[in-house]
Amino acid sequence: LDLDPEAPRIDADVGQLEQVLLNLCVNARDAIEGDG
């Protein structure tokens, strides 16, 4: 994780953003063979 403390707040549905992160990380997992 590399988080910028200056990143502005946004109007968002937290559950939906969590779904976005989960989907992208699962896709990344399937694309990585071996260590990554």
PDB file of all heavy atoms in Angstrom:
ATOM      1  N   LEU A   1       0.847  -1.195   0.000  1.00  0.00           N
ATOM      2  CA  LEU A   1       0.000   0.000   0.000  1.00  0.00           C
ATOM      3  C   LEU A   1       0.881   1.243   0.000  1.00  0.00           C
ATOM      4  O   LEU A   1       1.844   1.333   0.771  1.00  0.00           O
ATOM      5  CB  LEU A   1      -0.922   0.022   1.226  1.00  0.00           C
ATOM      6  CG  LEU A   1      -1.792  -1.217   1.468  1.00  0.00           C
ATOM      7  CD1 LEU A   1      -2.687  -0.983   2.684  1.00  0.00           C
ATOM      8  CD2 LEU A   1      -2.630  -1.552   0.242  1.00  0.00           C
ATOM      9  N   ASP A   2       0.562   2.203  -0.855  1.00  0.00           N
ATOM     10  CA  ASP A   2       1.267   3.482  -0.910  1.00  0.00           C
ATOM     11  C   ASP A   2       0.198   4.573  -0.936  1.00  0.00           C
ATOM     12  O   ASP A   2      -0.346   4.899  -2.003  1.00  0.00           O
ATOM     13  CB  ASP A   2       2.164   3.546  -2.147  1.00  0.00           C
ATOM     14  CG  ASP A   2       2.957   4.842  -2.206  1.00  0.00           C
ATOM     15  OD1 ASP A   2       2.945   5.600  -1.215  1.00  0.00           O
ATOM     16  OD2 ASP A   2       3.577   5.118  -3.259  1.00  0.00           O
ATOM     17  N   LEU A   3      -0.113   5.130   0.237  1.00  0.00           N
ATOM     18  CA  LEU A   3      -1.261   6.021   0.379  1.00  0.00           C
ATOM     19  C   LEU A   3      -0.799   7.460   0.595  1.00  0.00           C
ATOM     20  O   LEU A   3       0.028   7.747   1.474  1.00  0.00           O
ATOM     21  CB  LEU A   3      -2.137   5.563   1.545  1.00  0.00           C
ATOM     22  CG  LEU A   3      -2.549   4.072   1.516  1.00  0.00           C
ATOM     23  CD1 LEU A   3      -3.413   3.745   2.713  1.00  0.00           C
ATOM     24  CD2 LEU A   3      -3.260   3.733   0.221  1.00  0.00           C
ATOM     25  N   ASP A   4      -1.343   8.349  -0.207  1.00  0.00           N
ATOM     26  CA  ASP A   4      -1.013   9.768  -0.131  1.00  0.00           C
ATOM     27  C   ASP A   4      -1.930  10.447   0.899  1.00  0.00           C
ATOM     28  O   ASP A   4      -3.152  10.494   0.710  1.00  0.00           O
ATOM     29  CB  ASP A   4      -1.201  10.403  -1.515  1.00  0.00           C
ATOM     30  CG  ASP A   4      -0.851  11.881  -1.526  1.00  0.00           C
ATOM     31  OD1 ASP A   4      -0.472  12.414  -0.465  1.00  0.00           O
ATOM     32  OD2 ASP A   4      -0.947  12.493  -2.606  1.00  0.00           O
ATOM     33  N   PRO A   5      -1.366  10.993   1.981  1.00  0.00           N
ATOM     34  CA  PRO A   5      -2.221  11.631   2.996  1.00  0.00           C
ATOM     35  C   PRO A   5      -2.950  12.863   2.475  1.00  0.00           C
ATOM     36  O   PRO A   5      -3.932  13.311   3.084  1.00  0.00           O
ATOM     37  CB  PRO A   5      -1.228  12.005   4.104  1.00  0.00           C
ATOM     38  CG  PRO A   5       0.108  12.053   3.430  1.00  0.00           C
ATOM     39  CD  PRO A   5       0.055  11.028   2.345  1.00  0.00           C
ATOM     40  N   GLU A   6      -2.508  13.398   1.327  1.00  0.00           N
ATOM     41  CA  GLU A   6      -3.135  14.582   0.762  1.00  0.00           C
ATOM     42  C   GLU A   6      -4.271  14.244  -0.208  1.00  0.00           C
ATOM     43  O   GLU A   6      -4.897  15.146  -0.774  1.00  0.00           O
ATOM     44  CB  GLU A   6      -2.084  15.439   0.034  1.00  0.00           C
ATOM     45  CG  GLU A   6      -0.944  15.912   0.922  1.00  0.00           C
ATOM     46  CD  GLU A   6      -1.449  16.774   2.064  1.00  0.00           C
ATOM     47  OE1 GLU A   6      -2.378  17.587   1.837  1.00  0.00           O
ATOM     48  OE2 GLU A   6      -0.924  16.642   3.187  1.00  0.00           O
ATOM     49  N   ALA A   7      -4.522  12.958  -0.445  1.00  0.00           N
ATOM     50  CA  ALA A   7      -5.594  12.574  -1.372  1.00  0.00           C
ATOM     51  C   ALA A   7      -6.927  13.102  -0.858  1.00  0.00           C
ATOM     52  O   ALA A   7      -7.291  12.858   0.296  1.00  0.00           O
ATOM     53  CB  ALA A   7      -5.650  11.055  -1.513  1.00  0.00           C
ATOM     54  N   PRO A   8      -7.682  13.840  -1.681  1.00  0.00           N
ATOM     55  CA  PRO A   8      -8.935  14.441  -1.203  1.00  0.00           C
ATOM     56  C   PRO A   8     -10.015  13.390  -0.954  1.00  0.00           C
ATOM     57  O   PRO A   8      -9.983  12.295  -1.509  1.00  0.00           O
ATOM     58  CB  PRO A   8      -9.335  15.372  -2.349  1.00  0.00           C
ATOM     59  CG  PRO A   8      -8.704  14.779  -3.562  1.00  0.00           C
ATOM     60  CD  PRO A   8      -7.420  14.171  -3.098  1.00  0.00           C
ATOM     61  N   ARG A   9     -10.963  13.734  -0.104  1.00  0.00           N
ATOM     62  CA  ARG A   9     -12.108  12.871   0.136  1.00  0.00           C
ATOM     63  C   ARG A   9     -13.011  12.892  -1.093  1.00  0.00           C
ATOM     64  O   ARG A   9     -13.020  13.863  -1.867  1.00  0.00           O
ATOM     65  CB  ARG A   9     -12.882  13.335   1.369  1.00  0.00           C
ATOM     66  CG  ARG A   9     -12.065  13.310   2.649  1.00  0.00           C
ATOM     67  CD  ARG A   9     -12.872  13.843   3.820  1.00  0.00           C
ATOM     68  NE  ARG A   9     -13.901  12.882   4.228  1.00  0.00           N
ATOM     69  CZ  ARG A   9     -13.684  11.886   5.078  1.00  0.00           C
ATOM     70  NH1 ARG A   9     -12.482  11.696   5.606  1.00  0.00           N
ATOM     71  NH2 ARG A   9     -14.669  11.070   5.416  1.00  0.00           N
ATOM     72  N   ILE A  10     -13.773  11.830  -1.277  1.00  0.00           N
ATOM     73  CA  ILE A  10     -14.697  11.740  -2.405  1.00  0.00           C
ATOM     74  C   ILE A  10     -16.066  11.311  -1.905  1.00  0.00           C
ATOM     75  O   ILE A  10     -16.189  10.747  -0.802  1.00  0.00           O
ATOM     76  CB  ILE A  10     -14.196  10.739  -3.479  1.00  0.00           C
ATOM     77  CG1 ILE A  10     -14.163   9.314  -2.910  1.00  0.00           C
ATOM     78  CG2 ILE A  10     -12.835  11.150  -4.014  1.00  0.00           C
ATOM     79  CD1 ILE A  10     -13.839   8.263  -3.942  1.00  0.00           C
ATOM     80  N   ASP A  11     -17.099  11.598  -2.681  1.00  0.00           N
ATOM     81  CA  ASP A  11     -18.452  11.132  -2.362  1.00  0.00           C
ATOM     82  C   ASP A  11     -18.615   9.753  -2.978  1.00  0.00           C
ATOM     83  O   ASP A  11     -18.657   9.626  -4.211  1.00  0.00           O
ATOM     84  CB  ASP A  11     -19.500  12.099  -2.924  1.00  0.00           C
ATOM     85  CG  ASP A  11     -19.475  13.435  -2.201  1.00  0.00           C
ATOM     86  OD1 ASP A  11     -19.113  13.453  -1.017  1.00  0.00           O
ATOM     87  OD2 ASP A  11     -19.815  14.458  -2.827  1.00  0.00           O
ATOM     88  N   ALA A  12     -18.668   8.711  -2.158  1.00  0.00           N
ATOM     89  CA  ALA A  12     -18.647   7.352  -2.696  1.00  0.00           C
ATOM     90  C   ALA A  12     -19.389   6.395  -1.785  1.00  0.00           C
ATOM     91  O   ALA A  12     -19.596   6.650  -0.596  1.00  0.00           O
ATOM     92  CB  ALA A  12     -17.200   6.885  -2.879  1.00  0.00           C
ATOM     93  N   ASP A  13     -19.774   5.261  -2.383  1.00  0.00           N
ATOM     94  CA  ASP A  13     -20.337   4.137  -1.657  1.00  0.00           C
ATOM     95  C   ASP A  13     -19.175   3.231  -1.271  1.00  0.00           C
ATOM     96  O   ASP A  13     -18.519   2.642  -2.128  1.00  0.00           O
ATOM     97  CB  ASP A  13     -21.343   3.393  -2.541  1.00  0.00           C
ATOM     98  CG  ASP A  13     -22.066   2.285  -1.804  1.00  0.00           C
ATOM     99  OD1 ASP A  13     -21.390   1.452  -1.171  1.00  0.00           O
ATOM    100  OD2 ASP A  13     -23.309   2.245  -1.861  1.00  0.00           O
ATOM    101  N   VAL A  14     -18.906   3.138   0.019  1.00  0.00           N
ATOM    102  CA  VAL A  14     -17.739   2.394   0.488  1.00  0.00           C
ATOM    103  C   VAL A  14     -17.783   0.935   0.033  1.00  0.00           C
ATOM    104  O   VAL A  14     -16.777   0.362  -0.396  1.00  0.00           O
ATOM    105  CB  VAL A  14     -17.633   2.482   2.030  1.00  0.00           C
ATOM    106  CG1 VAL A  14     -16.500   1.594   2.545  1.00  0.00           C
ATOM    107  CG2 VAL A  14     -17.402   3.923   2.459  1.00  0.00           C
ATOM    108  N   GLY A  15     -18.956   0.323   0.137  1.00  0.00           N
ATOM    109  CA  GLY A  15     -19.080  -1.075  -0.278  1.00  0.00           C
ATOM    110  C   GLY A  15     -18.723  -1.284  -1.733  1.00  0.00           C
ATOM    111  O   GLY A  15     -18.080  -2.273  -2.103  1.00  0.00           O
ATOM    112  N   GLN A  16     -19.107  -0.333  -2.593  1.00  0.00           N
ATOM    113  CA  GLN A  16     -18.791  -0.440  -4.016  1.00  0.00           C
ATOM    114  C   GLN A  16     -17.290  -0.289  -4.248  1.00  0.00           C
ATOM    115  O   GLN A  16     -16.704  -0.995  -5.076  1.00  0.00           O
ATOM    116  CB  GLN A  16     -19.555   0.635  -4.802  1.00  0.00           C
ATOM    117  CG  GLN A  16     -21.062   0.475  -4.776  1.00  0.00           C
ATOM    118  CD  GLN A  16     -21.548  -0.517  -5.820  1.00  0.00           C
ATOM    119  OE1 GLN A  16     -20.857  -1.451  -6.182  1.00  0.00           O
ATOM    120  NE2 GLN A  16     -22.747  -0.308  -6.306  1.00  0.00           N
ATOM    121  N   LEU A  17     -16.655   0.648  -3.544  1.00  0.00           N
ATOM    122  CA  LEU A  17     -15.204   0.809  -3.696  1.00  0.00           C
ATOM    123  C   LEU A  17     -14.460  -0.433  -3.220  1.00  0.00           C
ATOM    124  O   LEU A  17     -13.454  -0.830  -3.818  1.00  0.00           O
ATOM    125  CB  LEU A  17     -14.729   2.034  -2.918  1.00  0.00           C
ATOM    126  CG  LEU A  17     -15.165   3.398  -3.448  1.00  0.00           C
ATOM    127  CD1 LEU A  17     -14.510   4.505  -2.633  1.00  0.00           C
ATOM    128  CD2 LEU A  17     -14.801   3.563  -4.929  1.00  0.00           C
ATOM    129  N   GLU A  18     -14.952  -1.048  -2.150  1.00  0.00           N
ATOM    130  CA  GLU A  18     -14.343  -2.293  -1.694  1.00  0.00           C
ATOM    131  C   GLU A  18     -14.475  -3.382  -2.758  1.00  0.00           C
ATOM    132  O   GLU A  18     -13.556  -4.173  -2.983  1.00  0.00           O
ATOM    133  CB  GLU A  18     -15.005  -2.743  -0.391  1.00  0.00           C
ATOM    134  CG  GLU A  18     -14.680  -1.844   0.793  1.00  0.00           C
ATOM    135  CD  GLU A  18     -15.460  -2.210   2.045  1.00  0.00           C
ATOM    136  OE1 GLU A  18     -16.444  -2.969   1.921  1.00  0.00           O
ATOM    137  OE2 GLU A  18     -15.094  -1.745   3.129  1.00  0.00           O
ATOM    138  N   GLN A  19     -15.632  -3.421  -3.443  1.00  0.00           N
ATOM    139  CA  GLN A  19     -15.841  -4.388  -4.523  1.00  0.00           C
ATOM    140  C   GLN A  19     -14.855  -4.145  -5.654  1.00  0.00           C
ATOM    141  O   GLN A  19     -14.311  -5.084  -6.247  1.00  0.00           O
ATOM    142  CB  GLN A  19     -17.272  -4.278  -5.037  1.00  0.00           C
ATOM    143  CG  GLN A  19     -17.638  -5.311  -6.093  1.00  0.00           C
ATOM    144  CD  GLN A  19     -17.727  -6.704  -5.510  1.00  0.00           C
ATOM    145  OE1 GLN A  19     -18.383  -6.928  -4.517  1.00  0.00           O
ATOM    146  NE2 GLN A  19     -17.044  -7.651  -6.137  1.00  0.00           N
ATOM    147  N   VAL A  20     -14.598  -2.873  -5.983  1.00  0.00           N
ATOM    148  CA  VAL A  20     -13.634  -2.520  -7.025  1.00  0.00           C
ATOM    149  C   VAL A  20     -12.251  -3.066  -6.682  1.00  0.00           C
ATOM    150  O   VAL A  20     -11.585  -3.716  -7.497  1.00  0.00           O
ATOM    151  CB  VAL A  20     -13.586  -0.990  -7.211  1.00  0.00           C
ATOM    152  CG1 VAL A  20     -12.335  -0.574  -7.985  1.00  0.00           C
ATOM    153  CG2 VAL A  20     -14.824  -0.500  -7.939  1.00  0.00           C
ATOM    154  N   LEU A  21     -11.797  -2.799  -5.458  1.00  0.00           N
ATOM    155  CA  LEU A  21     -10.466  -3.252  -5.049  1.00  0.00           C
ATOM    156  C   LEU A  21     -10.367  -4.773  -5.044  1.00  0.00           C
ATOM    157  O   LEU A  21      -9.359  -5.344  -5.484  1.00  0.00           O
ATOM    158  CB  LEU A  21     -10.153  -2.697  -3.657  1.00  0.00           C
ATOM    159  CG  LEU A  21      -9.840  -1.200  -3.602  1.00  0.00           C
ATOM    160  CD1 LEU A  21      -9.820  -0.716  -2.164  1.00  0.00           C
ATOM    161  CD2 LEU A  21      -8.510  -0.910  -4.280  1.00  0.00           C
ATOM    162  N   LEU A  22     -11.408  -5.428  -4.558  1.00  0.00           N
ATOM    163  CA  LEU A  22     -11.391  -6.895  -4.501  1.00  0.00           C
ATOM    164  C   LEU A  22     -11.326  -7.486  -5.911  1.00  0.00           C
ATOM    165  O   LEU A  22     -10.535  -8.387  -6.184  1.00  0.00           O
ATOM    166  CB  LEU A  22     -12.624  -7.399  -3.760  1.00  0.00           C
ATOM    167  CG  LEU A  22     -12.708  -8.918  -3.557  1.00  0.00           C
ATOM    168  CD1 LEU A  22     -11.524  -9.412  -2.758  1.00  0.00           C
ATOM    169  CD2 LEU A  22     -14.009  -9.294  -2.872  1.00  0.00           C
ATOM    170  N   ASN A  23     -12.146  -6.966  -6.835  1.00  0.00           N
ATOM    171  CA  ASN A  23     -12.151  -7.478  -8.208  1.00  0.00           C
ATOM    172  C   ASN A  23     -10.785  -7.307  -8.867  1.00  0.00           C
ATOM    173  O   ASN A  23     -10.277  -8.221  -9.530  1.00  0.00           O
ATOM    174  CB  ASN A  23     -13.210  -6.749  -9.042  1.00  0.00           C
ATOM    175  CG  ASN A  23     -14.615  -7.258  -8.766  1.00  0.00           C
ATOM    176  OD1 ASN A  23     -14.808  -8.127  -7.927  1.00  0.00           O
ATOM    177  ND2 ASN A  23     -15.595  -6.710  -9.448  1.00  0.00           N
ATOM    178  N   LEU A  24     -10.190  -6.131  -8.715  1.00  0.00           N
ATOM    179  CA  LEU A  24      -8.905  -5.865  -9.354  1.00  0.00           C
ATOM    180  C   LEU A  24      -7.801  -6.738  -8.764  1.00  0.00           C
ATOM    181  O   LEU A  24      -6.925  -7.222  -9.500  1.00  0.00           O
ATOM    182  CB  LEU A  24      -8.548  -4.390  -9.214  1.00  0.00           C
ATOM    183  CG  LEU A  24      -9.426  -3.420 -10.016  1.00  0.00           C
ATOM    184  CD1 LEU A  24      -9.028  -1.978  -9.733  1.00  0.00           C
ATOM    185  CD2 LEU A  24      -9.341  -3.700 -11.517  1.00  0.00           C
ATOM    186  N   CYS A  25      -7.830  -6.956  -7.455  1.00  0.00           N
ATOM    187  CA  CYS A  25      -6.800  -7.789  -6.839  1.00  0.00           C
ATOM    188  C   CYS A  25      -6.964  -9.264  -7.215  1.00  0.00           C
ATOM    189  O   CYS A  25      -5.975  -9.988  -7.390  1.00  0.00           O
ATOM    190  CB  CYS A  25      -6.818  -7.610  -5.326  1.00  0.00           C
ATOM    191  SG  CYS A  25      -6.148  -6.015  -4.798  1.00  0.00           S
ATOM    192  N   VAL A  26      -8.194  -9.720  -7.362  1.00  0.00           N
ATOM    193  CA  VAL A  26      -8.422 -11.103  -7.806  1.00  0.00           C
ATOM    194  C   VAL A  26      -7.942 -11.273  -9.249  1.00  0.00           C
ATOM    195  O   VAL A  26      -7.309 -12.282  -9.598  1.00  0.00           O
ATOM    196  CB  VAL A  26      -9.913 -11.470  -7.669  1.00  0.00           C
ATOM    197  CG1 VAL A  26     -10.209 -12.774  -8.396  1.00  0.00           C
ATOM    198  CG2 VAL A  26     -10.291 -11.600  -6.205  1.00  0.00           C
ATOM    199  N   ASN A  27      -8.200 -10.284 -10.107  1.00  0.00           N
ATOM    200  CA  ASN A  27      -7.693 -10.342 -11.478  1.00  0.00           C
ATOM    201  C   ASN A  27      -6.171 -10.377 -11.490  1.00  0.00           C
ATOM    202  O   ASN A  27      -5.555 -11.102 -12.280  1.00  0.00           O
ATOM    203  CB  ASN A  27      -8.189  -9.131 -12.273  1.00  0.00           C
ATOM    204  CG  ASN A  27      -9.600  -9.306 -12.779  1.00  0.00           C
ATOM    205  OD1 ASN A  27     -10.197 -10.374 -12.636  1.00  0.00           O
ATOM    206  ND2 ASN A  27     -10.171  -8.269 -13.351  1.00  0.00           N
ATOM    207  N   ALA A  28      -5.550  -9.547 -10.622  1.00  0.00           N
ATOM    208  CA  ALA A  28      -4.093  -9.536 -10.544  1.00  0.00           C
ATOM    209  C   ALA A  28      -3.561 -10.888 -10.093  1.00  0.00           C
ATOM    210  O   ALA A  28      -2.564 -11.393 -10.624  1.00  0.00           O
ATOM    211  CB  ALA A  28      -3.644  -8.432  -9.583  1.00  0.00           C
ATOM    212  N   ARG A  29      -4.239 -11.490  -9.119  1.00  0.00           N
ATOM    213  CA  ARG A  29      -3.825 -12.815  -8.647  1.00  0.00           C
ATOM    214  C   ARG A  29      -3.814 -13.829  -9.777  1.00  0.00           C
ATOM    215  O   ARG A  29      -2.867 -14.606  -9.935  1.00  0.00           O
ATOM    216  CB  ARG A  29      -4.789 -13.272  -7.548  1.00  0.00           C
ATOM    217  CG  ARG A  29      -4.533 -14.688  -7.022  1.00  0.00           C
ATOM    218  CD  ARG A  29      -5.764 -15.211  -6.319  1.00  0.00           C
ATOM    219  NE  ARG A  29      -6.873 -15.411  -7.255  1.00  0.00           N
ATOM    220  CZ  ARG A  29      -8.115 -15.675  -6.874  1.00  0.00           C
ATOM    221  NH1 ARG A  29      -8.418 -15.727  -5.583  1.00  0.00           N
ATOM    222  NH2 ARG A  29      -9.070 -15.848  -7.772  1.00  0.00           N
ATOM    223  N   ASP A  30      -4.863 -13.817 -10.597  1.00  0.00           N
ATOM    224  CA  ASP A  30      -4.962 -14.787 -11.690  1.00  0.00           C
ATOM    225  C   ASP A  30      -3.934 -14.525 -12.788  1.00  0.00           C
ATOM    226  O   ASP A  30      -3.616 -15.427 -13.562  1.00  0.00           O
ATOM    227  CB  ASP A  30      -6.375 -14.754 -12.287  1.00  0.00           C
ATOM    228  CG  ASP A  30      -7.433 -15.212 -11.289  1.00  0.00           C
ATOM    229  OD1 ASP A  30      -7.059 -15.892 -10.315  1.00  0.00           O
ATOM    230  OD2 ASP A  30      -8.609 -14.874 -11.476  1.00  0.00           O
ATOM    231  N   ALA A  31      -3.434 -13.282 -12.873  1.00  0.00           N
ATOM    232  CA  ALA A  31      -2.474 -12.934 -13.929  1.00  0.00           C
ATOM    233  C   ALA A  31      -1.035 -13.217 -13.518  1.00  0.00           C
ATOM    234  O   ALA A  31      -0.133 -13.180 -14.363  1.00  0.00           O
ATOM    235  CB  ALA A  31      -2.621 -11.459 -14.310  1.00  0.00           C
ATOM    236  N   ILE A  32      -0.798 -13.474 -12.235  1.00  0.00           N
ATOM    237  CA  ILE A  32       0.565 -13.673 -11.734  1.00  0.00           C
ATOM    238  C   ILE A  32       0.846 -15.161 -11.576  1.00  0.00           C
ATOM    239  O   ILE A  32       0.140 -15.863 -10.863  1.00  0.00           O
ATOM    240  CB  ILE A  32       0.763 -12.951 -10.390  1.00  0.00           C
ATOM    241  CG1 ILE A  32       0.601 -11.436 -10.559  1.00  0.00           C
ATOM    242  CG2 ILE A  32       2.134 -13.273  -9.811  1.00  0.00           C
ATOM    243  CD1 ILE A  32       0.648 -10.670  -9.257  1.00  0.00           C
ATOM    244  N   GLU A  33       1.885 -15.628 -12.235  1.00  0.00           N
ATOM    245  CA  GLU A  33       2.351 -17.008 -12.079  1.00  0.00           C
ATOM    246  C   GLU A  33       3.589 -16.982 -11.191  1.00  0.00           C
ATOM    247  O   GLU A  33       4.556 -16.292 -11.484  1.00  0.00           O
ATOM    248  CB  GLU A  33       2.668 -17.635 -13.431  1.00  0.00           C
ATOM    249  CG  GLU A  33       1.450 -17.798 -14.337  1.00  0.00           C
ATOM    250  CD  GLU A  33       1.790 -18.502 -15.639  1.00  0.00           C
ATOM    251  OE1 GLU A  33       2.962 -18.919 -15.778  1.00  0.00           O
ATOM    252  OE2 GLU A  33       0.909 -18.634 -16.502  1.00  0.00           O
ATOM    253  N   GLY A  34       3.568 -17.753 -10.111  1.00  0.00           N
ATOM    254  CA  GLY A  34       4.699 -17.722  -9.198  1.00  0.00           C
ATOM    255  C   GLY A  34       4.615 -16.520  -8.270  1.00  0.00           C
ATOM    256  O   GLY A  34       3.536 -16.011  -7.965  1.00  0.00           O
ATOM    257  N   ASP A  35       5.797 -16.069  -7.818  1.00  0.00           N
ATOM    258  CA  ASP A  35       5.839 -14.929  -6.900  1.00  0.00           C
ATOM    259  C   ASP A  35       5.499 -13.650  -7.643  1.00  0.00           C
ATOM    260  O   ASP A  35       5.784 -13.502  -8.837  1.00  0.00           O
ATOM    261  CB  ASP A  35       7.235 -14.805  -6.283  1.00  0.00           C
ATOM    262  CG  ASP A  35       7.596 -16.027  -5.446  1.00  0.00           C
ATOM    263  OD1 ASP A  35       6.653 -16.728  -5.017  1.00  0.00           O
ATOM    264  OD2 ASP A  35       8.792 -16.290  -5.240  1.00  0.00           O
ATOM    265  N   GLY A  36       4.905 -12.694  -6.912  1.00  0.00           N
ATOM    266  CA  GLY A  36       4.536 -11.435  -7.549  1.00  0.00           C
ATOM    267  C   GLY A  36       4.162 -10.382  -6.535  1.00  0.00           C
ATOM    268  O   GLY A  36       4.206 -10.608  -5.319  1.00  0.00           O
TER     269      GLY A  36
END
